[in-house]
Amino acid sequence: MSSGALLHTLESRFGKLEFTAMQVADMDEVVHIEDRIYSHPWTRGNFLDSLYSGYQTLTMRDPSGRLLGYFLVMEAVDEAHLLNISVAEDVQGEGIGHLLLDYAVDLARKHRMRVMLLEVRVSNLRALHVYRRYGFVEIGRRKNYYPADQHTREDAIVMSLTL
């Protein structure tokens, strides 16, 4: 499904979607989503550091103003690094993540990036499926990259998408 068709479908379901750059004022909602969907979520400080560093960000809201999802991308030379892309728990599986990914990739292309990189937990099978279906390929692993339960660590799969 093309981005235009996906956007039309989502707008039919949710109403007119609003896309804006993430702001400090969004932090309560962003952290709420993070805390609900991740075992080891980003902190408010992580998000604020990213905003203050000038990373590319986007939030997606429904017509009532409810936050549905967001992403943060760090650009370095000609590489875009997708740092975080998240969808509110109760609307996962609706195409929002795919649409956010479209926006992130389009943004990277507009900024003349040649590749998009990301890390994903080996246990995050849903995200791995989305990324692979989108065209990302595994290019490596980072051993013990993520904190895990019971004071252990989990590997990250490093993925790349040529832009």
N, C-alpha and C. Protein backbone atom coordinates (compact mmCIF):
# COMPACT_ATOMS: atom_id res chain seq x y z
N MET A 1 0.84 -1.17 0.00
CA MET A 1 0.00 0.00 0.00
C MET A 1 0.89 1.23 0.00
N SER A 2 0.59 2.19 -0.86
CA SER A 2 1.39 3.41 -0.93
C SER A 2 1.13 4.28 0.29
N SER A 3 2.05 5.22 0.53
CA SER A 3 1.90 6.13 1.66
C SER A 3 0.60 6.91 1.56
N GLY A 4 0.27 7.37 0.35
CA GLY A 4 -0.97 8.12 0.17
C GLY A 4 -2.20 7.30 0.50
N ALA A 5 -2.22 6.05 0.03
CA ALA A 5 -3.35 5.16 0.32
C ALA A 5 -3.42 4.84 1.80
N LEU A 6 -2.27 4.61 2.41
CA LEU A 6 -2.23 4.31 3.84
C LEU A 6 -2.72 5.51 4.65
N LEU A 7 -2.27 6.69 4.30
CA LEU A 7 -2.71 7.89 5.00
C LEU A 7 -4.22 8.05 4.86
N HIS A 8 -4.73 7.86 3.66
CA HIS A 8 -6.18 7.98 3.42
C HIS A 8 -6.95 6.97 4.27
N THR A 9 -6.46 5.73 4.31
CA THR A 9 -7.11 4.69 5.10
C THR A 9 -7.10 5.04 6.58
N LEU A 10 -5.95 5.48 7.08
CA LEU A 10 -5.86 5.85 8.50
C LEU A 10 -6.72 7.06 8.81
N GLU A 11 -6.75 8.04 7.90
CA GLU A 11 -7.58 9.21 8.15
C GLU A 11 -9.06 8.84 8.11
N SER A 12 -9.42 7.85 7.30
CA SER A 12 -10.80 7.38 7.29
C SER A 12 -11.15 6.77 8.64
N ARG A 13 -10.22 6.04 9.21
CA ARG A 13 -10.47 5.37 10.48
C ARG A 13 -10.39 6.32 11.67
N PHE A 14 -9.37 7.18 11.69
CA PHE A 14 -9.11 8.02 12.85
C PHE A 14 -9.57 9.46 12.67
N GLY A 15 -9.91 9.86 11.48
CA GLY A 15 -10.17 11.27 11.19
C GLY A 15 -8.88 11.92 10.73
N LYS A 16 -8.91 13.19 10.47
CA LYS A 16 -7.74 13.93 9.95
C LYS A 16 -6.59 13.86 10.94
N LEU A 17 -5.49 13.25 10.50
CA LEU A 17 -4.31 13.10 11.36
C LEU A 17 -3.46 14.36 11.29
N GLU A 18 -2.85 14.70 12.41
CA GLU A 18 -1.99 15.88 12.50
C GLU A 18 -0.55 15.43 12.76
N PHE A 19 0.38 15.94 11.96
CA PHE A 19 1.79 15.62 12.08
C PHE A 19 2.55 16.89 12.43
N THR A 20 3.27 16.87 13.55
CA THR A 20 4.05 18.03 13.97
C THR A 20 5.36 17.58 14.59
N ALA A 21 6.31 18.49 14.64
CA ALA A 21 7.58 18.20 15.31
C ALA A 21 7.31 18.02 16.80
N MET A 22 8.01 17.07 17.41
CA MET A 22 7.88 16.84 18.85
C MET A 22 8.35 18.07 19.61
N GLN A 23 7.63 18.41 20.67
CA GLN A 23 7.94 19.56 21.50
C GLN A 23 8.10 19.12 22.96
N VAL A 24 8.70 19.97 23.76
CA VAL A 24 8.81 19.69 25.20
C VAL A 24 7.42 19.46 25.80
N ALA A 25 6.44 20.19 25.31
CA ALA A 25 5.07 20.05 25.82
C ALA A 25 4.48 18.66 25.58
N ASP A 26 5.05 17.89 24.67
CA ASP A 26 4.57 16.54 24.37
C ASP A 26 5.10 15.49 25.35
N MET A 27 6.05 15.85 26.20
CA MET A 27 6.79 14.86 26.99
C MET A 27 5.92 13.98 27.89
N ASP A 28 4.93 14.53 28.54
CA ASP A 28 4.10 13.69 29.42
C ASP A 28 3.45 12.55 28.64
N GLU A 29 2.89 12.88 27.48
CA GLU A 29 2.23 11.86 26.66
C GLU A 29 3.23 10.88 26.05
N VAL A 30 4.35 11.39 25.59
CA VAL A 30 5.39 10.53 25.01
C VAL A 30 5.89 9.54 26.04
N VAL A 31 6.24 10.02 27.22
CA VAL A 31 6.75 9.15 28.28
C VAL A 31 5.68 8.15 28.71
N HIS A 32 4.43 8.56 28.71
CA HIS A 32 3.34 7.63 29.06
C HIS A 32 3.29 6.47 28.07
N ILE A 33 3.38 6.76 26.78
CA ILE A 33 3.39 5.70 25.77
C ILE A 33 4.61 4.81 25.95
N GLU A 34 5.78 5.42 26.11
CA GLU A 34 7.02 4.65 26.31
C GLU A 34 6.88 3.67 27.47
N ASP A 35 6.39 4.18 28.60
CA ASP A 35 6.28 3.36 29.80
C ASP A 35 5.31 2.20 29.62
N ARG A 36 4.31 2.38 28.78
CA ARG A 36 3.32 1.32 28.56
C ARG A 36 3.78 0.25 27.58
N ILE A 37 4.64 0.61 26.64
CA ILE A 37 4.94 -0.37 25.58
C ILE A 37 6.33 -1.00 25.67
N TYR A 38 7.20 -0.47 26.51
CA TYR A 38 8.55 -1.02 26.60
C TYR A 38 8.89 -1.47 28.01
N SER A 39 9.62 -2.56 28.10
CA SER A 39 10.08 -3.02 29.41
C SER A 39 11.18 -2.12 29.96
N HIS A 40 11.94 -1.51 29.07
CA HIS A 40 13.02 -0.60 29.44
C HIS A 40 12.89 0.66 28.56
N PRO A 41 11.94 1.52 28.91
CA PRO A 41 11.63 2.68 28.06
C PRO A 41 12.69 3.78 28.14
N TRP A 42 12.65 4.63 27.11
CA TRP A 42 13.42 5.85 27.17
C TRP A 42 12.87 6.69 28.32
N THR A 43 13.74 7.51 28.89
CA THR A 43 13.32 8.42 29.96
C THR A 43 12.98 9.78 29.37
N ARG A 44 12.33 10.59 30.18
CA ARG A 44 12.06 11.98 29.79
C ARG A 44 13.38 12.67 29.42
N GLY A 45 14.42 12.39 30.19
CA GLY A 45 15.73 12.98 29.90
C GLY A 45 16.27 12.56 28.54
N ASN A 46 16.08 11.29 28.17
CA ASN A 46 16.52 10.84 26.84
C ASN A 46 15.83 11.65 25.73
N PHE A 47 14.52 11.82 25.88
CA PHE A 47 13.78 12.58 24.87
C PHE A 47 14.19 14.04 24.85
N LEU A 48 14.32 14.64 26.01
CA LEU A 48 14.72 16.05 26.06
C LEU A 48 16.11 16.25 25.48
N ASP A 49 17.04 15.36 25.79
CA ASP A 49 18.39 15.45 25.20
C ASP A 49 18.31 15.41 23.68
N SER A 50 17.47 14.54 23.15
CA SER A 50 17.32 14.43 21.70
C SER A 50 16.72 15.70 21.10
N LEU A 51 15.72 16.25 21.76
CA LEU A 51 15.12 17.50 21.27
C LEU A 51 16.14 18.63 21.29
N TYR A 52 16.86 18.75 22.40
CA TYR A 52 17.83 19.84 22.53
C TYR A 52 19.02 19.66 21.59
N SER A 53 19.26 18.42 21.16
CA SER A 53 20.34 18.15 20.20
C SER A 53 19.91 18.44 18.76
N GLY A 54 18.66 18.75 18.56
CA GLY A 54 18.18 19.11 17.23
C GLY A 54 17.85 17.94 16.33
N TYR A 55 17.60 16.77 16.90
CA TYR A 55 17.26 15.60 16.09
C TYR A 55 15.91 15.83 15.40
N GLN A 56 15.72 15.14 14.31
CA GLN A 56 14.46 15.22 13.56
C GLN A 56 13.40 14.42 14.31
N THR A 57 12.24 15.02 14.52
CA THR A 57 11.19 14.36 15.28
C THR A 57 9.85 14.58 14.61
N LEU A 58 8.91 13.70 14.94
CA LEU A 58 7.55 13.86 14.43
C LEU A 58 6.60 13.19 15.41
N THR A 59 5.48 13.86 15.66
CA THR A 59 4.39 13.24 16.41
C THR A 59 3.18 13.14 15.49
N MET A 60 2.37 12.13 15.73
CA MET A 60 1.13 11.93 14.99
C MET A 60 -0.02 11.94 16.00
N ARG A 61 -1.01 12.80 15.74
CA ARG A 61 -2.17 12.93 16.63
C ARG A 61 -3.46 12.77 15.84
N ASP A 62 -4.49 12.27 16.55
CA ASP A 62 -5.81 12.18 15.93
C ASP A 62 -6.51 13.53 16.08
N PRO A 63 -7.70 13.70 15.52
CA PRO A 63 -8.38 15.02 15.58
C PRO A 63 -8.65 15.53 16.99
N SER A 64 -8.76 14.63 17.97
CA SER A 64 -8.99 15.07 19.35
C SER A 64 -7.70 15.53 20.02
N GLY A 65 -6.57 15.35 19.33
CA GLY A 65 -5.27 15.74 19.88
C GLY A 65 -4.55 14.60 20.58
N ARG A 66 -5.14 13.42 20.57
CA ARG A 66 -4.52 12.26 21.23
C ARG A 66 -3.28 11.82 20.46
N LEU A 67 -2.18 11.62 21.18
CA LEU A 67 -0.94 11.17 20.58
C LEU A 67 -1.05 9.69 20.20
N LEU A 68 -0.84 9.40 18.92
CA LEU A 68 -0.90 8.02 18.42
C LEU A 68 0.48 7.41 18.26
N GLY A 69 1.48 8.24 17.93
CA GLY A 69 2.83 7.73 17.73
C GLY A 69 3.81 8.85 17.47
N TYR A 70 5.09 8.47 17.37
CA TYR A 70 6.16 9.45 17.20
C TYR A 70 7.44 8.76 16.75
N PHE A 71 8.37 9.57 16.25
CA PHE A 71 9.72 9.06 15.97
C PHE A 71 10.74 10.14 16.22
N LEU A 72 12.01 9.69 16.39
CA LEU A 72 13.17 10.57 16.49
C LEU A 72 14.27 10.00 15.60
N VAL A 73 14.88 10.86 14.81
CA VAL A 73 15.94 10.46 13.90
C VAL A 73 17.14 11.38 14.09
N MET A 74 18.31 10.79 14.26
CA MET A 74 19.56 11.54 14.34
C MET A 74 20.25 11.44 12.98
N GLU A 75 20.65 12.59 12.44
CA GLU A 75 21.35 12.60 11.17
C GLU A 75 22.83 12.89 11.40
N ALA A 76 23.68 12.12 10.73
CA ALA A 76 25.13 12.32 10.83
C ALA A 76 25.73 12.10 9.44
N VAL A 77 26.33 13.13 8.90
CA VAL A 77 26.93 13.14 7.57
C VAL A 77 25.86 12.72 6.55
N ASP A 78 25.87 11.47 6.11
CA ASP A 78 24.87 11.02 5.13
C ASP A 78 24.07 9.82 5.63
N GLU A 79 24.06 9.63 6.95
CA GLU A 79 23.32 8.52 7.55
C GLU A 79 22.25 9.06 8.50
N ALA A 80 21.07 8.48 8.41
CA ALA A 80 19.99 8.77 9.34
C ALA A 80 19.87 7.58 10.28
N HIS A 81 19.86 7.84 11.57
CA HIS A 81 19.75 6.78 12.57
C HIS A 81 18.38 6.91 13.24
N LEU A 82 17.52 5.94 12.99
CA LEU A 82 16.20 5.92 13.61
C LEU A 82 16.38 5.51 15.07
N LEU A 83 16.30 6.48 15.97
CA LEU A 83 16.56 6.24 17.38
C LEU A 83 15.37 5.63 18.11
N ASN A 84 14.18 6.08 17.74
CA ASN A 84 12.98 5.63 18.43
C ASN A 84 11.80 5.85 17.50
N ILE A 85 10.97 4.84 17.37
CA ILE A 85 9.69 4.95 16.67
C ILE A 85 8.70 4.12 17.48
N SER A 86 7.63 4.76 17.88
CA SER A 86 6.70 4.11 18.81
C SER A 86 5.26 4.45 18.47
N VAL A 87 4.38 3.48 18.75
CA VAL A 87 2.95 3.63 18.51
C VAL A 87 2.22 3.28 19.80
N ALA A 88 1.23 4.08 20.16
CA ALA A 88 0.43 3.81 21.35
C ALA A 88 -0.10 2.38 21.32
N GLU A 89 -0.07 1.75 22.46
CA GLU A 89 -0.38 0.32 22.56
C GLU A 89 -1.73 -0.06 21.96
N ASP A 90 -2.75 0.73 22.20
CA ASP A 90 -4.09 0.35 21.76
C ASP A 90 -4.36 0.58 20.28
N VAL A 91 -3.41 1.18 19.56
CA VAL A 91 -3.59 1.36 18.11
C VAL A 91 -2.48 0.67 17.31
N GLN A 92 -1.72 -0.19 17.96
CA GLN A 92 -0.70 -0.95 17.23
C GLN A 92 -1.39 -1.93 16.29
N GLY A 93 -0.76 -2.17 15.14
CA GLY A 93 -1.33 -3.06 14.15
C GLY A 93 -2.32 -2.38 13.22
N GLU A 94 -2.44 -1.05 13.31
CA GLU A 94 -3.39 -0.29 12.49
C GLU A 94 -2.72 0.39 11.30
N GLY A 95 -1.40 0.27 11.16
CA GLY A 95 -0.69 0.92 10.06
C GLY A 95 0.01 2.21 10.46
N ILE A 96 -0.13 2.61 11.70
CA ILE A 96 0.47 3.86 12.15
C ILE A 96 1.99 3.79 12.13
N GLY A 97 2.55 2.68 12.59
CA GLY A 97 4.01 2.52 12.57
C GLY A 97 4.56 2.59 11.16
N HIS A 98 3.86 1.97 10.22
CA HIS A 98 4.30 1.99 8.81
C HIS A 98 4.27 3.42 8.28
N LEU A 99 3.21 4.15 8.60
CA LEU A 99 3.11 5.53 8.13
C LEU A 99 4.20 6.40 8.76
N LEU A 100 4.46 6.22 10.05
CA LEU A 100 5.55 6.96 10.69
C LEU A 100 6.89 6.63 10.05
N LEU A 101 7.08 5.37 9.72
CA LEU A 101 8.32 4.95 9.05
C LEU A 101 8.43 5.62 7.69
N ASP A 102 7.31 5.71 6.96
CA ASP A 102 7.31 6.44 5.68
C ASP A 102 7.77 7.87 5.87
N TYR A 103 7.23 8.53 6.88
CA TYR A 103 7.60 9.93 7.14
C TYR A 103 9.08 10.05 7.50
N ALA A 104 9.58 9.13 8.33
CA ALA A 104 10.99 9.17 8.72
C ALA A 104 11.90 8.98 7.51
N VAL A 105 11.58 8.02 6.67
CA VAL A 105 12.37 7.74 5.47
C VAL A 105 12.30 8.93 4.51
N ASP A 106 11.10 9.47 4.29
CA ASP A 106 10.96 10.63 3.41
C ASP A 106 11.78 11.82 3.92
N LEU A 107 11.75 12.03 5.23
CA LEU A 107 12.52 13.12 5.83
C LEU A 107 14.02 12.91 5.58
N ALA A 108 14.49 11.69 5.79
CA ALA A 108 15.91 11.39 5.57
C ALA A 108 16.29 11.62 4.11
N ARG A 109 15.44 11.21 3.21
CA ARG A 109 15.71 11.43 1.77
C ARG A 109 15.76 12.92 1.44
N LYS A 110 14.84 13.70 2.00
CA LYS A 110 14.82 15.14 1.75
C LYS A 110 16.10 15.80 2.27
N HIS A 111 16.68 15.23 3.31
CA HIS A 111 17.93 15.76 3.86
C HIS A 111 19.16 15.11 3.23
N ARG A 112 18.93 14.41 2.14
CA ARG A 112 20.00 13.79 1.33
C ARG A 112 20.82 12.73 2.07
N MET A 113 20.16 12.03 2.99
CA MET A 113 20.82 10.90 3.65
C MET A 113 20.85 9.74 2.65
N ARG A 114 21.87 8.89 2.74
CA ARG A 114 21.97 7.77 1.79
C ARG A 114 21.53 6.45 2.39
N VAL A 115 21.46 6.41 3.74
CA VAL A 115 21.09 5.16 4.41
C VAL A 115 20.39 5.49 5.73
N MET A 116 19.46 4.61 6.11
CA MET A 116 18.85 4.72 7.45
C MET A 116 19.25 3.48 8.23
N LEU A 117 19.71 3.71 9.46
CA LEU A 117 20.13 2.63 10.35
C LEU A 117 19.21 2.59 11.56
N LEU A 118 19.13 1.43 12.18
CA LEU A 118 18.39 1.29 13.43
C LEU A 118 18.89 0.07 14.17
N GLU A 119 18.59 0.04 15.46
CA GLU A 119 18.82 -1.16 16.28
C GLU A 119 17.47 -1.59 16.82
N VAL A 120 17.29 -2.90 16.90
CA VAL A 120 16.05 -3.44 17.45
C VAL A 120 16.40 -4.66 18.30
N ARG A 121 15.70 -4.81 19.42
CA ARG A 121 15.93 -5.97 20.29
C ARG A 121 15.67 -7.26 19.51
N VAL A 122 16.48 -8.27 19.78
CA VAL A 122 16.25 -9.56 19.11
C VAL A 122 14.89 -10.13 19.49
N SER A 123 14.36 -9.78 20.65
CA SER A 123 13.07 -10.29 21.09
C SER A 123 11.87 -9.52 20.53
N ASN A 124 12.11 -8.39 19.87
CA ASN A 124 11.01 -7.57 19.36
C ASN A 124 10.60 -8.07 17.97
N LEU A 125 9.93 -9.20 17.95
CA LEU A 125 9.59 -9.87 16.70
C LEU A 125 8.63 -9.05 15.85
N ARG A 126 7.71 -8.35 16.48
CA ARG A 126 6.76 -7.52 15.73
C ARG A 126 7.50 -6.42 14.95
N ALA A 127 8.41 -5.72 15.63
CA ALA A 127 9.17 -4.66 14.97
C ALA A 127 10.08 -5.24 13.88
N LEU A 128 10.72 -6.37 14.17
CA LEU A 128 11.58 -7.00 13.16
C LEU A 128 10.79 -7.32 11.90
N HIS A 129 9.58 -7.82 12.07
CA HIS A 129 8.73 -8.13 10.92
C HIS A 129 8.42 -6.87 10.12
N VAL A 130 8.06 -5.79 10.81
CA VAL A 130 7.75 -4.53 10.13
C VAL A 130 8.96 -4.02 9.37
N TYR A 131 10.12 -4.01 10.02
CA TYR A 131 11.32 -3.48 9.37
C TYR A 131 11.73 -4.32 8.17
N ARG A 132 11.69 -5.62 8.31
CA ARG A 132 12.06 -6.49 7.18
C ARG A 132 11.10 -6.32 6.02
N ARG A 133 9.82 -6.25 6.33
CA ARG A 133 8.81 -6.05 5.29
C ARG A 133 9.01 -4.70 4.59
N TYR A 134 9.48 -3.73 5.32
CA TYR A 134 9.71 -2.40 4.76
C TYR A 134 10.94 -2.37 3.85
N GLY A 135 11.87 -3.34 4.05
CA GLY A 135 13.07 -3.39 3.23
C GLY A 135 14.37 -3.26 3.98
N PHE A 136 14.31 -3.11 5.29
CA PHE A 136 15.53 -3.08 6.09
C PHE A 136 16.17 -4.46 6.09
N VAL A 137 17.49 -4.49 6.09
CA VAL A 137 18.22 -5.76 6.14
C VAL A 137 19.17 -5.74 7.34
N GLU A 138 19.38 -6.91 7.90
CA GLU A 138 20.29 -7.03 9.03
C GLU A 138 21.72 -6.88 8.53
N ILE A 139 22.47 -6.01 9.22
CA ILE A 139 23.88 -5.82 8.84
C ILE A 139 24.83 -6.15 9.99
N GLY A 140 24.27 -6.49 11.14
CA GLY A 140 25.14 -6.84 12.26
C GLY A 140 24.35 -7.00 13.54
N ARG A 141 25.10 -7.30 14.60
CA ARG A 141 24.51 -7.47 15.93
C ARG A 141 25.38 -6.71 16.93
N ARG A 142 24.73 -6.16 17.92
CA ARG A 142 25.43 -5.53 19.04
C ARG A 142 25.15 -6.41 20.25
N LYS A 143 26.18 -7.09 20.70
CA LYS A 143 26.04 -7.99 21.85
C LYS A 143 25.75 -7.21 23.13
N ASN A 144 24.80 -7.70 23.88
CA ASN A 144 24.46 -7.13 25.19
C ASN A 144 24.16 -5.63 25.13
N TYR A 145 23.51 -5.19 24.08
CA TYR A 145 23.27 -3.77 23.83
C TYR A 145 22.19 -3.18 24.74
N TYR A 146 21.10 -3.92 24.90
CA TYR A 146 19.96 -3.41 25.66
C TYR A 146 19.90 -4.00 27.06
N PRO A 147 19.45 -3.21 28.03
CA PRO A 147 19.18 -3.80 29.35
C PRO A 147 17.96 -4.72 29.23
N ALA A 148 17.97 -5.78 30.01
CA ALA A 148 16.87 -6.73 30.01
C ALA A 148 16.48 -7.03 31.45
N ASP A 149 15.50 -7.88 31.60
CA ASP A 149 15.01 -8.22 32.94
C ASP A 149 16.08 -8.94 33.76
N GLN A 150 15.93 -8.85 35.04
CA GLN A 150 16.77 -9.54 36.02
C GLN A 150 18.26 -9.23 35.83
N HIS A 151 18.54 -7.96 35.56
CA HIS A 151 19.92 -7.46 35.45
C HIS A 151 20.73 -8.17 34.37
N THR A 152 20.06 -8.56 33.30
CA THR A 152 20.75 -9.17 32.16
C THR A 152 20.76 -8.17 31.01
N ARG A 153 21.33 -8.57 29.90
CA ARG A 153 21.41 -7.73 28.71
C ARG A 153 20.87 -8.52 27.52
N GLU A 154 20.44 -7.79 26.49
CA GLU A 154 19.89 -8.41 25.28
C GLU A 154 20.59 -7.84 24.06
N ASP A 155 20.83 -8.70 23.08
CA ASP A 155 21.47 -8.26 21.84
C ASP A 155 20.53 -7.37 21.02
N ALA A 156 21.15 -6.53 20.22
CA ALA A 156 20.42 -5.71 19.25
C ALA A 156 20.78 -6.18 17.85
N ILE A 157 19.79 -6.19 16.99
CA ILE A 157 20.02 -6.44 15.58
C ILE A 157 20.16 -5.06 14.94
N VAL A 158 21.25 -4.84 14.22
CA VAL A 158 21.47 -3.59 13.49
C VAL A 158 20.93 -3.79 12.08
N MET A 159 20.09 -2.85 11.65
CA MET A 159 19.47 -2.96 10.34
C MET A 159 19.74 -1.70 9.53
N SER A 160 19.68 -1.87 8.22
CA SER A 160 19.99 -0.77 7.31
C SER A 160 18.99 -0.77 6.17
N LEU A 161 18.66 0.43 5.71
CA LEU A 161 17.82 0.63 4.52
C LEU A 161 18.52 1.63 3.63
N THR A 162 18.85 1.22 2.42
CA THR A 162 19.44 2.16 1.46
C THR A 162 18.36 3.10 0.99
N LEU A 163 18.69 4.39 1.04
CA LEU A 163 17.72 5.41 0.64
C LEU A 163 17.98 5.85 -0.78
